[in-house]
């Protein structure tokens, strides 16, 4: 048994319910304060007045994609065309060059061809749905394209020309990702990786190998393109090991706003283009029906308000098995009528609060009409819909403090203005999005609170997240991260 003493333990039942001592044994919480008086402990850990919360979870990210981003050159924070091209020139060493984090600023294949037209150069856009490539890439794709700015299917095809990682290389990437997440206080994540790297079997084996040595609660979505592999593997839905679950079947309904492929109710400004259904409506319905035939829930990427309304209609028509939970991913733009439909579903939504701070106001400038509801988190919570907090890393930094801040303050980091203030949520609700509500999709009843019998996963901070000055959310205040009773990160 371990005694965690001299701390402030926030149960998350409400703002004020705290303890000062906690005991754990065999990965579970066994009691608090006076309940511990007659117990003998093998180990005591003095937390020195630190604040302890249930382990933070990122409910939608890409664990391998994030590790890959950490391992590659990155353009995040660069917005000037000439500066980016100069930087790319300095990075280019006569070998294939792949850079992350490009924010669209007008670079085309012609610009990249000035660096090299014979050796592949790729820039992945920050929305992770687009690529800008040079002629060498287009030649390998056998694609005649005027600009080299590729979206959706073309971008996915371009990704396939880069060589796959070895098993050991993928393990290193995953370890780098998990170690980075530990430092943000993250004890688990829901991830979409099983299609994009070495295929279902080898990628899953990478997770199994790494999680034996690096305790972390990984909940993996199963991309619909590898559904047959999943079914053929005869692995059960959800639990594989204490650290690994296989969850819902991931599929895409529409694209992104930045590429003007999110399916909107009103056309994009200056066009008659409403976005698109990336699979086609009938094909998408077939994917849902196939998933249901295997008694599995769905996890659907949908960004546009029209896309969301159509998806909800499909889910009402083709519901999951009674004991299964569907999930939606993103849903920043919502029509009022869709809220009433959502109430009919047993569903959870993976939201990314940081998208508000990074996408507004520029996203609104793409639209001919402001949607009825924009990032409507308070409205969705009041409708009884579970909201799980996430970063979509590597799209955003997987720091839950930044997500909590964005959900509470709703402030753009571009112009400092607060957008749609009526949709602000409380700090307690925002904190629960990364703890209690983020665990809803695991279908486990002993995660997300500090209570007797709950798992011993903790995120430990220097300050009280429920009352500290808001400027502290921008600082590194993580002191310790604990998974399954084990300290996996401790700030020096």
Protein backbone atom coordinates (compact mmCIF):
# COMPACT_ATOMS: atom_id res chain seq x y z
CA UNK A 1 0.00 0.00 0.00
CA UNK A 2 1.07 3.57 -0.70
CA UNK A 3 0.13 6.64 1.35
CA UNK A 4 -0.09 9.87 -0.64
CA UNK A 5 0.02 12.52 2.07
CA UNK A 6 0.05 16.27 2.59
CA UNK A 7 -1.81 16.98 -0.66
CA UNK A 8 -5.09 18.54 -1.70
CA UNK A 9 -7.09 15.81 -3.44
CA UNK A 10 -9.95 17.07 -5.58
CA UNK A 11 -12.66 14.41 -5.91
CA UNK A 12 -14.43 16.44 -8.69
CA UNK A 13 -17.83 15.78 -7.08
CA UNK A 14 -18.04 19.57 -6.81
CA UNK A 15 -15.78 22.61 -6.48
CA UNK A 16 -15.01 22.15 -2.79
CA UNK A 17 -14.90 18.41 -2.01
CA UNK A 18 -11.26 17.68 -1.13
CA UNK A 19 -9.18 15.32 0.99
CA UNK A 20 -5.68 15.64 2.48
CA UNK A 21 -4.50 12.03 2.44
CA UNK A 22 -5.16 9.17 0.06
CA UNK A 23 -4.13 5.51 0.01
CA UNK A 24 -3.73 3.24 -3.01
CA UNK A 25 -3.10 -0.47 -3.40
CA UNK A 26 -2.73 -2.66 -6.48
CA UNK A 27 -3.63 0.21 -8.80
CA UNK A 28 -6.81 1.33 -7.01
CA UNK A 29 -7.75 4.02 -4.50
CA UNK A 30 -8.62 2.35 -1.18
CA UNK A 31 -9.49 5.32 1.05
CA UNK A 32 -9.01 8.88 2.29
CA UNK A 33 -8.21 10.79 5.48
CA UNK A 34 -9.76 9.18 8.62
CA UNK A 35 -10.30 5.88 6.81
CA UNK A 36 -6.52 5.40 6.84
CA UNK A 37 -5.86 5.73 10.58
CA UNK A 38 -5.18 2.05 11.32
CA UNK A 39 -3.41 1.12 8.08
CA UNK A 40 0.27 0.28 7.62
CA UNK A 41 2.00 1.52 4.47
CA UNK A 42 4.94 0.18 2.54
CA UNK A 43 5.64 3.61 1.05
CA UNK A 44 4.72 7.22 1.80
CA UNK A 45 4.84 10.06 -0.72
CA UNK A 46 4.78 13.64 0.54
CA UNK A 47 3.04 15.86 -2.02
CA UNK A 48 3.93 19.12 -0.21
CA UNK A 49 0.51 20.78 -0.68
CA UNK A 50 0.27 19.94 -4.39
CA UNK A 51 -3.19 19.65 -5.98
CA UNK A 52 -4.23 16.18 -7.16
CA UNK A 53 -6.90 15.41 -9.77
CA UNK A 54 -8.08 12.27 -11.55
CA UNK A 55 -5.72 11.38 -14.40
CA UNK A 56 -6.14 13.65 -17.41
CA UNK A 57 -7.20 12.03 -20.69
CA UNK A 58 -7.01 13.44 -24.23
CA UNK A 59 -10.18 12.05 -25.83
CA UNK A 60 -9.13 12.49 -29.46
CA UNK A 61 -5.59 12.69 -30.75
CA UNK A 62 -3.14 10.71 -32.85
CA UNK A 63 -0.51 9.15 -30.62
CA UNK A 64 1.79 8.02 -33.41
CA UNK A 65 1.07 11.12 -35.47
CA UNK A 66 2.05 13.30 -32.52
CA UNK A 67 5.26 11.32 -31.96
CA UNK A 68 6.00 11.59 -35.67
CA UNK A 69 5.49 15.35 -35.52
CA UNK A 70 7.93 15.58 -32.61
CA UNK A 71 10.46 13.71 -34.75
CA UNK A 72 10.16 15.90 -37.88
CA UNK A 73 10.94 19.51 -38.83
CA UNK A 74 8.03 21.76 -37.96
CA UNK A 75 6.80 25.09 -39.33
CA UNK A 76 4.43 25.92 -36.48
CA UNK A 77 4.47 29.64 -35.77
CA UNK A 78 5.82 30.57 -39.20
CA UNK A 79 3.43 32.51 -41.44
CA UNK A 80 5.56 34.42 -43.95
CA UNK A 81 6.06 32.78 -47.32
CA UNK A 82 9.65 33.95 -47.88
CA UNK A 83 10.71 32.93 -44.37
CA UNK A 84 9.21 29.45 -44.81
CA UNK A 85 10.90 28.93 -48.18
CA UNK A 86 14.25 30.07 -46.79
CA UNK A 87 13.82 27.65 -43.89
CA UNK A 88 12.93 24.78 -46.23
CA UNK A 89 16.01 25.54 -48.31
CA UNK A 90 18.18 25.29 -45.20
CA UNK A 91 16.54 21.97 -44.23
CA UNK A 92 16.90 20.37 -47.65
CA UNK A 93 19.93 18.05 -47.78
CA UNK A 94 19.37 16.37 -51.12
CA UNK A 95 17.02 13.77 -49.57
CA UNK A 96 13.24 13.45 -49.22
CA UNK A 97 11.95 16.25 -47.03
CA UNK A 98 8.71 16.09 -45.02
CA UNK A 99 7.80 19.02 -42.77
CA UNK A 100 4.86 19.47 -40.42
CA UNK A 101 2.76 22.39 -39.21
CA UNK A 102 2.41 24.47 -42.40
CA UNK A 103 -0.29 27.15 -42.23
CA UNK A 104 -1.48 27.99 -45.74
CA UNK A 105 0.17 31.20 -47.01
CA UNK A 106 0.21 30.71 -50.77
CA UNK A 107 3.12 28.35 -51.36
CA UNK A 108 2.65 26.11 -54.41
CA UNK A 109 4.59 23.39 -56.20
CA UNK A 110 6.38 26.07 -58.23
CA UNK A 111 7.96 27.44 -55.06
CA UNK A 112 8.98 23.99 -53.85
CA UNK A 113 10.35 23.14 -57.30
CA UNK A 114 12.83 25.99 -56.87
CA UNK A 115 14.31 23.95 -54.00
CA UNK A 116 14.04 20.67 -55.90
CA UNK A 117 11.77 19.32 -58.59
CA UNK A 118 13.35 15.86 -58.68
CA UNK A 119 13.43 14.88 -54.97
CA UNK A 120 10.11 14.70 -53.05
CA UNK A 121 9.24 17.61 -50.78
CA UNK A 122 6.03 17.60 -48.72
CA UNK A 123 4.55 20.15 -46.35
CA UNK A 124 1.71 18.86 -44.21
CA UNK A 125 -0.84 21.57 -43.42
CA UNK A 126 -1.82 22.24 -39.84
CA UNK A 127 -5.33 20.85 -40.46
CA UNK A 128 -3.82 17.42 -41.27
CA UNK A 129 -6.14 17.07 -44.25
CA UNK A 130 -3.98 18.87 -46.83
CA UNK A 131 -0.46 18.71 -48.25
CA UNK A 132 1.58 20.99 -50.47
CA UNK A 133 4.00 18.98 -52.62
CA UNK A 134 6.49 19.47 -55.44
CA UNK A 135 6.57 17.92 -58.93
CA UNK A 136 8.66 14.97 -57.72
CA UNK A 137 5.77 13.87 -55.50
CA UNK A 138 3.18 14.43 -58.22
CA UNK A 139 5.28 12.36 -60.62
CA UNK A 140 5.33 9.44 -58.17
CA UNK A 141 1.56 9.81 -57.79
CA UNK A 142 1.13 10.00 -61.58
CA UNK A 143 -1.00 13.05 -60.95
CA UNK A 144 -1.18 16.21 -63.08
CA UNK A 145 -2.02 18.99 -60.62
CA UNK A 146 -1.79 22.75 -61.26
CA UNK A 147 -0.67 23.89 -57.79
CA UNK A 148 0.47 20.87 -55.80
CA UNK A 149 -1.87 21.88 -52.96
CA UNK A 150 -3.62 18.57 -52.29
CA UNK A 151 -6.65 17.87 -50.11
CA UNK A 152 -8.50 14.82 -48.77
CA UNK A 153 -8.11 11.78 -51.10
CA UNK A 154 -5.20 13.23 -53.08
CA UNK A 155 -3.40 14.14 -49.85
CA UNK A 156 -3.94 10.65 -48.47
CA UNK A 157 -2.58 9.14 -51.70
CA UNK A 158 0.51 11.34 -51.50
CA UNK A 159 1.19 10.10 -47.97
CA UNK A 160 1.42 6.56 -49.27
CA UNK A 161 4.54 7.26 -51.34
CA UNK A 162 6.71 7.80 -48.28
CA UNK A 163 8.28 4.58 -46.98
CA UNK A 164 6.72 2.87 -43.97
CA UNK A 165 8.48 2.88 -40.62
CA UNK A 166 10.02 -0.28 -39.25
CA UNK A 167 8.46 -1.81 -36.16
CA UNK A 168 11.28 -0.52 -33.96
CA UNK A 169 11.06 2.97 -35.46
CA UNK A 170 7.35 3.09 -34.67
CA UNK A 171 8.04 2.01 -31.10
CA UNK A 172 10.50 4.91 -30.69
CA UNK A 173 7.91 7.32 -32.09
CA UNK A 174 5.22 6.07 -29.70
CA UNK A 175 7.58 6.27 -26.71
CA UNK A 176 8.47 9.86 -27.63
CA UNK A 177 4.75 10.67 -27.81
CA UNK A 178 3.88 9.09 -24.46
CA UNK A 179 6.81 10.67 -22.65
CA UNK A 180 5.77 14.08 -23.94
CA UNK A 181 2.19 13.49 -22.79
CA UNK A 182 3.32 12.45 -19.32
CA UNK A 183 4.89 15.91 -18.94
CA UNK A 184 1.50 17.51 -19.67
CA UNK A 185 -0.13 15.45 -16.91
CA UNK A 186 -1.84 13.11 -19.38
CA UNK A 187 -2.40 9.53 -18.23
CA UNK A 188 -4.33 8.26 -21.26
CA UNK A 189 -5.52 9.13 -24.74
CA UNK A 190 -8.01 8.02 -27.39
CA UNK A 191 -6.21 7.74 -30.69
CA UNK A 192 -6.68 7.02 -34.39
CA UNK A 193 -3.51 5.29 -35.65
CA UNK A 194 -4.31 1.78 -36.85
CA UNK A 195 -4.72 2.64 -40.55
CA UNK A 196 -2.04 5.25 -41.19
CA UNK A 197 1.22 3.49 -40.44
CA UNK A 198 2.14 -0.21 -40.68
CA UNK A 199 -1.32 -1.68 -40.94
CA UNK A 200 -3.61 -3.02 -38.25
CA UNK A 201 -1.57 -5.96 -36.97
CA UNK A 202 1.91 -4.46 -36.77
CA UNK A 203 0.72 -1.09 -35.46
CA UNK A 204 -1.32 -2.79 -32.75
CA UNK A 205 1.72 -4.90 -31.83
CA UNK A 206 3.73 -1.67 -31.45
CA UNK A 207 1.22 -0.46 -28.86
CA UNK A 208 1.25 -3.78 -27.04
CA UNK A 209 5.06 -3.82 -26.90
CA UNK A 210 5.43 -0.22 -25.71
CA UNK A 211 2.61 -0.26 -23.15
CA UNK A 212 4.27 -3.16 -21.32
CA UNK A 213 7.04 -0.76 -20.27
CA UNK A 214 5.26 2.62 -20.43
CA UNK A 215 2.00 2.56 -18.44
CA UNK A 216 -0.59 4.59 -20.34
CA UNK A 217 -4.33 4.16 -20.96
CA UNK A 218 -4.56 3.90 -24.76
CA UNK A 219 -8.02 3.64 -26.31
CA UNK A 220 -7.63 3.05 -30.06
CA UNK A 221 -10.28 3.78 -32.65
CA UNK A 222 -10.46 1.29 -35.54
CA UNK A 223 -10.45 3.05 -38.92
CA UNK A 224 -13.15 1.62 -41.19
CA UNK A 225 -10.45 0.79 -43.77
CA UNK A 226 -9.02 -1.82 -41.37
CA UNK A 227 -12.35 -3.07 -40.04
CA UNK A 228 -11.91 -6.41 -41.82
CA UNK A 229 -8.55 -6.89 -40.12
CA UNK A 230 -10.09 -6.09 -36.75
CA UNK A 231 -12.96 -8.52 -37.28
CA UNK A 232 -10.58 -11.17 -38.62
CA UNK A 233 -8.32 -10.81 -35.58
CA UNK A 234 -11.25 -11.89 -33.36
CA UNK A 235 -10.15 -9.39 -30.74
CA UNK A 236 -12.93 -8.31 -28.38
CA UNK A 237 -14.47 -4.86 -28.44
CA UNK A 238 -12.79 -2.60 -25.85
CA UNK A 239 -10.52 -4.43 -23.42
CA UNK A 240 -7.25 -5.98 -24.59
CA UNK A 241 -5.07 -5.26 -21.53
CA UNK A 242 -5.35 -2.89 -18.54
CA UNK A 243 -3.66 -0.25 -20.73
CA UNK A 244 -5.21 -0.97 -24.12
CA UNK A 245 -8.73 -0.85 -25.56
CA UNK A 246 -10.01 -1.16 -29.12
CA UNK A 247 -12.96 1.18 -29.49
CA UNK A 248 -15.41 2.48 -32.05
CA UNK A 249 -14.98 2.35 -35.84
CA UNK A 250 -13.59 5.65 -37.15
CA UNK A 251 -14.98 7.16 -40.37
CA UNK A 252 -15.13 10.57 -42.06
CA UNK A 253 -18.30 12.33 -43.14
CA UNK A 254 -16.83 15.63 -44.38
CA UNK A 255 -13.49 17.46 -44.53
CA UNK A 256 -12.21 20.64 -42.88
CA UNK A 257 -13.13 24.31 -42.92
CA UNK A 258 -9.65 25.47 -43.92
CA UNK A 259 -9.79 23.35 -47.07
CA UNK A 260 -13.45 24.36 -47.60
CA UNK A 261 -14.51 20.72 -47.55
CA UNK A 262 -16.51 20.81 -44.29
CA UNK A 263 -20.17 20.38 -45.30
CA UNK A 264 -21.95 23.60 -44.36
CA UNK A 265 -25.57 24.70 -44.41
CA UNK A 266 -24.63 27.92 -46.25
CA UNK A 267 -22.04 28.26 -49.04
CA UNK A 268 -18.49 29.42 -48.49
CA UNK A 269 -18.03 33.14 -49.01
CA UNK A 270 -18.01 34.18 -52.65
CA UNK A 271 -18.82 30.68 -53.93
CA UNK A 272 -21.69 28.27 -54.44
CA UNK A 273 -19.64 25.57 -52.72
CA UNK A 274 -21.10 24.04 -49.55
CA UNK A 275 -18.30 21.56 -48.89
CA UNK A 276 -18.58 17.83 -49.45
CA UNK A 277 -19.30 14.39 -48.10
CA UNK A 278 -15.88 12.82 -48.59
CA UNK A 279 -17.18 9.26 -49.02
CA UNK A 280 -20.43 10.06 -50.81
CA UNK A 281 -23.72 9.70 -48.94
CA UNK A 282 -24.68 6.19 -50.02
CA UNK A 283 -21.17 4.85 -49.51
CA UNK A 284 -21.05 6.38 -46.05
CA UNK A 285 -24.36 4.75 -45.11
CA UNK A 286 -22.95 1.43 -46.30
CA UNK A 287 -19.92 1.90 -44.02
CA UNK A 288 -22.26 2.53 -41.06
CA UNK A 289 -24.40 -0.50 -41.93
CA UNK A 290 -21.32 -2.71 -42.21
CA UNK A 291 -20.14 -1.50 -38.81
CA UNK A 292 -23.55 -2.24 -37.30
CA UNK A 293 -23.47 -5.74 -38.80
CA UNK A 294 -20.49 -6.40 -36.52
CA UNK A 295 -22.32 -4.91 -33.50
CA UNK A 296 -19.81 -2.05 -33.26
CA UNK A 297 -20.30 1.64 -32.52
CA UNK A 298 -19.08 4.43 -34.82
CA UNK A 299 -16.77 7.41 -34.28
CA UNK A 300 -17.51 9.98 -36.98
CA UNK A 301 -15.39 12.96 -38.00
CA UNK A 302 -17.83 15.74 -38.88
CA UNK A 303 -17.17 19.48 -38.86
CA UNK A 304 -19.85 21.23 -40.92
CA UNK A 305 -23.28 22.02 -39.46
CA UNK A 306 -25.08 20.47 -42.44
CA UNK A 307 -22.82 17.45 -42.22
CA UNK A 308 -23.62 17.03 -38.52
CA UNK A 309 -27.36 17.23 -39.14
CA UNK A 310 -27.14 14.55 -41.82
CA UNK A 311 -24.97 12.31 -39.63
CA UNK A 312 -27.45 12.52 -36.75
CA UNK A 313 -30.28 11.51 -39.08
CA UNK A 314 -28.25 8.49 -40.20
CA UNK A 315 -27.53 7.46 -36.60
CA UNK A 316 -31.21 7.75 -35.69
CA UNK A 317 -32.03 5.47 -38.63
CA UNK A 318 -29.16 3.03 -37.91
CA UNK A 319 -28.69 3.05 -34.11
CA UNK A 320 -25.98 1.06 -32.30
CA UNK A 321 -26.62 -1.97 -30.18
CA UNK A 322 -28.36 -1.01 -26.94
CA UNK A 323 -25.23 -1.38 -24.82
CA UNK A 324 -22.87 0.43 -27.21
CA UNK A 325 -21.96 4.12 -27.40
CA UNK A 326 -21.41 6.12 -30.59
CA UNK A 327 -19.20 9.19 -30.69
CA UNK A 328 -18.87 12.26 -32.88
CA UNK A 329 -15.59 14.10 -33.40
CA UNK A 330 -15.29 17.92 -33.69
CA UNK A 331 -18.83 19.39 -34.37
CA UNK A 332 -17.82 23.06 -33.93
CA UNK A 333 -20.77 24.39 -35.97
CA UNK A 334 -24.31 23.29 -35.08
CA UNK A 335 -27.87 24.09 -36.16
CA UNK A 336 -30.48 24.50 -33.41
CA UNK A 337 -32.67 21.76 -34.86
CA UNK A 338 -29.75 19.32 -34.61
CA UNK A 339 -29.55 19.78 -30.84
CA UNK A 340 -33.04 18.33 -30.46
CA UNK A 341 -32.07 15.34 -32.60
CA UNK A 342 -28.87 14.78 -30.63
CA UNK A 343 -30.94 14.40 -27.46
CA UNK A 344 -32.40 11.20 -28.94
CA UNK A 345 -29.00 9.55 -29.23
CA UNK A 346 -26.77 7.80 -26.72
CA UNK A 347 -23.69 9.64 -27.84
CA UNK A 348 -20.53 11.44 -26.78
CA UNK A 349 -18.81 14.27 -28.64
CA UNK A 350 -15.03 14.70 -28.71
CA UNK A 351 -14.47 18.45 -28.77
CA UNK A 352 -11.26 20.46 -29.19
CA UNK A 353 -11.56 23.72 -27.23
CA UNK A 354 -8.23 24.96 -28.57
CA UNK A 355 -9.75 25.04 -32.06
CA UNK A 356 -11.81 28.05 -31.02
CA UNK A 357 -8.73 29.97 -29.93
CA UNK A 358 -6.77 29.01 -33.05
CA UNK A 359 -9.57 29.08 -35.69
CA UNK A 360 -11.44 32.26 -34.78
CA UNK A 361 -11.90 34.74 -36.27
CA UNK A 362 -10.33 33.55 -39.55
CA UNK A 363 -12.72 30.60 -39.86
CA UNK A 364 -15.74 32.90 -39.85
CA UNK A 365 -14.23 34.85 -42.75
CA UNK A 366 -14.49 31.72 -44.91
CA UNK A 367 -18.25 31.56 -44.46
CA UNK A 368 -21.02 33.50 -46.19
CA UNK A 369 -23.16 33.18 -43.06
CA UNK A 370 -22.30 32.70 -39.40
CA UNK A 371 -23.68 29.34 -38.24
CA UNK A 372 -26.53 29.35 -35.70
CA UNK A 373 -24.36 27.90 -32.95
CA UNK A 374 -20.56 28.17 -32.87
CA UNK A 375 -18.54 25.89 -30.59
CA UNK A 376 -21.74 25.57 -28.48
CA UNK A 377 -20.35 23.65 -25.51
CA UNK A 378 -22.65 25.09 -22.84
CA UNK A 379 -25.71 24.42 -25.01
CA UNK A 380 -24.62 20.83 -25.63
CA UNK A 381 -23.92 20.19 -21.95
CA UNK A 382 -27.30 21.63 -20.97
CA UNK A 383 -28.88 19.26 -23.51
CA UNK A 384 -27.38 16.36 -21.55
CA UNK A 385 -24.73 15.48 -24.13
CA UNK A 386 -21.35 14.23 -22.91
CA UNK A 387 -18.43 16.37 -24.07
CA UNK A 388 -14.96 14.83 -23.94
CA UNK A 389 -12.05 17.25 -24.13
CA UNK A 390 -9.23 16.70 -26.60
CA UNK A 391 -6.52 18.37 -28.67
CA UNK A 392 -6.49 16.45 -31.97
CA UNK A 393 -2.71 16.51 -31.52
CA UNK A 394 -0.55 16.97 -33.48
CA UNK A 395 -3.00 19.58 -34.81
CA UNK A 396 -2.91 21.35 -31.42
CA UNK A 397 -0.55 21.09 -28.46
CA UNK A 398 -1.85 18.25 -26.25
CA UNK A 399 -1.81 20.37 -23.11
CA UNK A 400 -5.12 19.99 -21.25
CA UNK A 401 -4.56 23.27 -19.42
CA UNK A 402 -4.75 25.11 -22.75
CA UNK A 403 -7.97 23.26 -23.55
CA UNK A 404 -9.53 24.10 -20.19
CA UNK A 405 -8.53 27.74 -20.62
CA UNK A 406 -10.06 27.88 -24.10
CA UNK A 407 -13.33 26.30 -22.93
CA UNK A 408 -13.65 28.73 -20.04
CA UNK A 409 -12.38 31.95 -21.62
CA UNK A 410 -13.30 31.44 -25.34
CA UNK A 411 -10.60 33.92 -26.34
CA UNK A 412 -8.95 33.99 -29.77
CA UNK A 413 -5.19 33.92 -29.68
CA UNK A 414 -5.20 35.91 -32.94
CA UNK A 415 -7.02 39.06 -31.82
CA UNK A 416 -7.57 38.57 -28.08
CA UNK A 417 -11.34 38.85 -28.42
CA UNK A 418 -13.90 36.64 -26.69
CA UNK A 419 -16.25 34.86 -29.10
CA UNK A 420 -19.82 33.73 -28.37
CA UNK A 421 -19.48 34.45 -24.67
CA UNK A 422 -22.83 32.82 -23.77
CA UNK A 423 -21.26 29.44 -24.50
CA UNK A 424 -18.58 29.72 -21.80
CA UNK A 425 -18.44 26.77 -19.41
CA UNK A 426 -17.34 26.70 -15.77
CA UNK A 427 -13.87 25.60 -14.75
CA UNK A 428 -15.31 22.50 -13.10
CA UNK A 429 -17.13 21.49 -16.29
CA UNK A 430 -14.03 22.17 -18.38
CA UNK A 431 -11.88 20.14 -16.00
CA UNK A 432 -14.35 17.25 -16.15
CA UNK A 433 -14.09 17.27 -19.96
CA UNK A 434 -10.52 16.02 -19.57
CA UNK A 435 -11.22 13.64 -16.68
CA UNK A 436 -14.74 12.41 -15.90
CA UNK A 437 -16.31 13.01 -19.32
CA UNK A 438 -13.23 11.91 -21.26
CA UNK A 439 -13.56 8.48 -19.66
CA UNK A 440 -17.21 8.09 -20.69
CA UNK A 441 -16.24 6.40 -23.95
CA UNK A 442 -14.17 3.74 -22.18
CA UNK A 443 -17.39 2.38 -20.64
CA UNK A 444 -15.52 1.98 -17.36
CA UNK A 445 -17.29 3.00 -14.16
CA UNK A 446 -14.16 3.50 -12.04
CA UNK A 447 -12.40 6.28 -13.92
CA UNK A 448 -12.58 10.06 -13.83
CA UNK A 449 -13.04 10.80 -10.11
CA UNK A 450 -10.96 10.47 -6.95
CA UNK A 451 -13.12 7.96 -5.11
CA UNK A 452 -12.68 4.70 -3.27
CA UNK A 453 -12.39 1.84 -5.76
CA UNK A 454 -11.37 4.10 -8.66
CA UNK A 455 -8.15 3.62 -10.64
CA UNK A 456 -4.97 5.16 -9.27
CA UNK A 457 -4.28 7.54 -12.18
CA UNK A 458 -3.51 11.09 -11.06
CA UNK A 459 -2.47 14.43 -12.53
CA UNK A 460 -0.74 16.58 -9.93
CA UNK A 461 -0.27 20.35 -10.21
CA UNK A 462 1.40 23.16 -8.32
CA UNK A 463 -1.80 25.24 -8.16
CA UNK A 464 -5.55 24.69 -7.76
CA UNK A 465 -6.94 24.56 -11.31
CA UNK A 466 -10.40 25.51 -10.03
CA UNK A 467 -9.35 28.81 -8.46
CA UNK A 468 -5.87 29.86 -9.65
CA UNK A 469 -5.18 33.01 -11.63
CA UNK A 470 -6.02 32.38 -15.27
CA UNK A 471 -2.49 33.32 -16.36
CA UNK A 472 -1.26 30.11 -14.69
CA UNK A 473 -2.99 28.04 -17.40
CA UNK A 474 -0.30 29.20 -19.82
CA UNK A 475 2.53 28.00 -17.56
CA UNK A 476 4.18 24.66 -16.83
CA UNK A 477 2.66 23.75 -13.48
CA UNK A 478 2.58 19.93 -13.77
CA UNK A 479 4.50 18.42 -10.85
CA UNK A 480 3.78 14.72 -11.22
CA UNK A 481 1.88 12.23 -13.38
CA UNK A 482 0.82 8.87 -11.96
CA UNK A 483 -0.55 5.90 -13.93
CA UNK A 484 -1.71 2.74 -12.18
CA UNK A 485 -0.09 3.89 -8.93
CA UNK A 486 3.27 4.37 -10.68
CA UNK A 487 4.97 7.77 -10.93
CA UNK A 488 5.70 8.10 -14.65
CA UNK A 489 6.71 11.77 -14.61
CA UNK A 490 8.08 14.03 -11.90
CA UNK A 491 9.20 17.60 -12.45
CA UNK A 492 12.75 18.17 -11.33
